């Protein structure tokens, strides 16, 4: 994976699917950060990103801007790496 892009997973503590998905990414040794959709202070950005359900995977540029946002759901580490490779072209 390129150092230019980072992966962020938007999750909720109340979301069983999120816990399983984060565990899957960790087992695959995927580098990512999480973003808590439950925190009230995060709501303005969640609204801006149009996040209504979780988990959501975002690929961030080196400036921290959202370069790509997958639809709600779980995506394989391979699919995430493939999208990052596409963005690097």
C-alpha atoms as a PDB file:
ATOM      1  CA  UNK A   1       0.000   0.000   0.000  1.00  0.00           C
ATOM      2  CA  UNK A   2       1.241   3.459  -0.863  1.00  0.00           C
ATOM      3  CA  UNK A   3       2.196   5.859   1.907  1.00  0.00           C
ATOM      4  CA  UNK A   4       0.192   8.563   0.137  1.00  0.00           C
ATOM      5  CA  UNK A   5      -3.160   7.126   1.203  1.00  0.00           C
ATOM      6  CA  UNK A   6      -4.580   6.057   4.561  1.00  0.00           C
ATOM      7  CA  UNK A   7      -7.632   3.975   5.332  1.00  0.00           C
ATOM      8  CA  UNK A   8     -10.306   5.108   7.771  1.00  0.00           C
ATOM      9  CA  UNK A   9     -13.158   2.888   8.950  1.00  0.00           C
ATOM     10  CA  UNK A  10     -16.180   4.676  10.353  1.00  0.00           C
ATOM     11  CA  UNK A  11     -17.690   2.501  13.067  1.00  0.00           C
ATOM     12  CA  UNK A  12     -20.095   2.467  15.982  1.00  0.00           C
ATOM     13  CA  UNK A  13     -19.708   0.773  19.345  1.00  0.00           C
ATOM     14  CA  UNK A  14     -23.300  -0.468  18.917  1.00  0.00           C
ATOM     15  CA  UNK A  15     -22.568  -2.155  15.574  1.00  0.00           C
ATOM     16  CA  UNK A  16     -21.745  -5.886  15.780  1.00  0.00           C
ATOM     17  CA  UNK A  17     -20.851  -5.943  12.073  1.00  0.00           C
ATOM     18  CA  UNK A  18     -18.309  -3.157  12.697  1.00  0.00           C
ATOM     19  CA  UNK A  19     -16.540  -5.158  15.406  1.00  0.00           C
ATOM     20  CA  UNK A  20     -16.278  -8.214  13.170  1.00  0.00           C
ATOM     21  CA  UNK A  21     -15.069  -6.115  10.230  1.00  0.00           C
ATOM     22  CA  UNK A  22     -12.390  -4.280  12.243  1.00  0.00           C
ATOM     23  CA  UNK A  23     -11.186  -7.634  13.558  1.00  0.00           C
ATOM     24  CA  UNK A  24     -11.006  -8.960   9.988  1.00  0.00           C
ATOM     25  CA  UNK A  25      -8.900  -5.993   8.847  1.00  0.00           C
ATOM     26  CA  UNK A  26      -6.563  -6.442  11.813  1.00  0.00           C
ATOM     27  CA  UNK A  27      -6.119 -10.145  11.028  1.00  0.00           C
ATOM     28  CA  UNK A  28      -5.240  -9.151   7.452  1.00  0.00           C
ATOM     29  CA  UNK A  29      -2.681  -6.694   8.908  1.00  0.00           C
ATOM     30  CA  UNK A  30      -4.375  -3.790   7.134  1.00  0.00           C
ATOM     31  CA  UNK A  31      -3.281  -0.396   8.460  1.00  0.00           C
ATOM     32  CA  UNK A  32      -6.301   1.785   9.245  1.00  0.00           C
ATOM     33  CA  UNK A  33      -7.718   4.259  11.708  1.00  0.00           C
ATOM     34  CA  UNK A  34     -11.216   4.207  13.130  1.00  0.00           C
ATOM     35  CA  UNK A  35     -13.658   7.077  13.385  1.00  0.00           C
ATOM     36  CA  UNK A  36     -16.363   6.921  16.046  1.00  0.00           C
ATOM     37  CA  UNK A  37     -19.796   7.624  14.585  1.00  0.00           C
ATOM     38  CA  UNK A  38     -21.277   7.678  18.105  1.00  0.00           C
ATOM     39  CA  UNK A  39     -19.354  10.774  19.210  1.00  0.00           C
ATOM     40  CA  UNK A  40     -21.581  13.848  19.039  1.00  0.00           C
ATOM     41  CA  UNK A  41     -18.669  16.067  17.944  1.00  0.00           C
ATOM     42  CA  UNK A  42     -18.231  13.890  14.825  1.00  0.00           C
ATOM     43  CA  UNK A  43     -21.799  14.393  13.591  1.00  0.00           C
ATOM     44  CA  UNK A  44     -21.105  17.430  11.355  1.00  0.00           C
ATOM     45  CA  UNK A  45     -18.508  15.511   9.328  1.00  0.00           C
ATOM     46  CA  UNK A  46     -20.690  12.411   9.202  1.00  0.00           C
ATOM     47  CA  UNK A  47     -23.462  14.591   7.772  1.00  0.00           C
ATOM     48  CA  UNK A  48     -21.053  16.119   5.262  1.00  0.00           C
ATOM     49  CA  UNK A  49     -19.902  12.642   4.178  1.00  0.00           C
ATOM     50  CA  UNK A  50     -23.553  11.490   4.065  1.00  0.00           C
ATOM     51  CA  UNK A  51     -22.929   8.627   6.512  1.00  0.00           C
ATOM     52  CA  UNK A  52     -26.203   7.101   7.680  1.00  0.00           C
ATOM     53  CA  UNK A  53     -25.087   3.511   8.328  1.00  0.00           C
ATOM     54  CA  UNK A  54     -21.808   1.893   9.291  1.00  0.00           C
ATOM     55  CA  UNK A  55     -19.288   0.495   8.680  1.00  0.00           C
ATOM     56  CA  UNK A  56     -17.995   2.787   5.945  1.00  0.00           C
ATOM     57  CA  UNK A  57     -14.464   2.641   4.557  1.00  0.00           C
ATOM     58  CA  UNK A  58     -12.799   5.829   3.340  1.00  0.00           C
ATOM     59  CA  UNK A  59      -9.465   6.248   1.614  1.00  0.00           C
ATOM     60  CA  UNK A  60      -7.767   9.483   2.651  1.00  0.00           C
ATOM     61  CA  UNK A  61      -5.211  11.463   0.682  1.00  0.00           C
ATOM     62  CA  UNK A  62      -1.973  12.607   2.310  1.00  0.00           C
ATOM     63  CA  UNK A  63      -3.727  15.902   3.148  1.00  0.00           C
ATOM     64  CA  UNK A  64      -6.458  14.013   5.033  1.00  0.00           C
ATOM     65  CA  UNK A  65      -9.169  14.696   2.439  1.00  0.00           C
ATOM     66  CA  UNK A  66     -11.500  11.851   1.488  1.00  0.00           C
ATOM     67  CA  UNK A  67     -10.164  10.574  -1.853  1.00  0.00           C
ATOM     68  CA  UNK A  68     -12.706   7.749  -2.106  1.00  0.00           C
ATOM     69  CA  UNK A  69     -15.581   6.465  -0.005  1.00  0.00           C
ATOM     70  CA  UNK A  70     -16.901   2.940  -0.394  1.00  0.00           C
ATOM     71  CA  UNK A  71     -20.660   2.437  -0.035  1.00  0.00           C
ATOM     72  CA  UNK A  72     -21.854   1.266   3.369  1.00  0.00           C
ATOM     73  CA  UNK A  73     -20.753  -2.284   4.046  1.00  0.00           C
ATOM     74  CA  UNK A  74     -17.680  -4.407   4.423  1.00  0.00           C
ATOM     75  CA  UNK A  75     -15.034  -4.623   1.732  1.00  0.00           C
ATOM     76  CA  UNK A  76     -12.160  -7.055   1.601  1.00  0.00           C
ATOM     77  CA  UNK A  77      -8.643  -5.834   2.299  1.00  0.00           C
ATOM     78  CA  UNK A  78      -7.878  -6.854  -1.297  1.00  0.00           C
ATOM     79  CA  UNK A  79     -10.616  -4.536  -2.634  1.00  0.00           C
ATOM     80  CA  UNK A  80      -9.312  -1.667  -0.499  1.00  0.00           C
ATOM     81  CA  UNK A  81      -5.729  -2.213  -1.694  1.00  0.00           C
ATOM     82  CA  UNK A  82      -6.950  -2.427  -5.293  1.00  0.00           C
ATOM     83  CA  UNK A  83      -8.732   0.936  -4.979  1.00  0.00           C
ATOM     84  CA  UNK A  84      -5.608   2.526  -3.495  1.00  0.00           C
ATOM     85  CA  UNK A  85      -3.574   1.167  -6.444  1.00  0.00           C
ATOM     86  CA  UNK A  86      -6.130   2.724  -8.832  1.00  0.00           C
ATOM     87  CA  UNK A  87      -5.835   6.072  -7.044  1.00  0.00           C
ATOM     88  CA  UNK A  88      -2.049   5.910  -7.375  1.00  0.00           C
ATOM     89  CA  UNK A  89      -2.234   5.661 -11.176  1.00  0.00           C
END
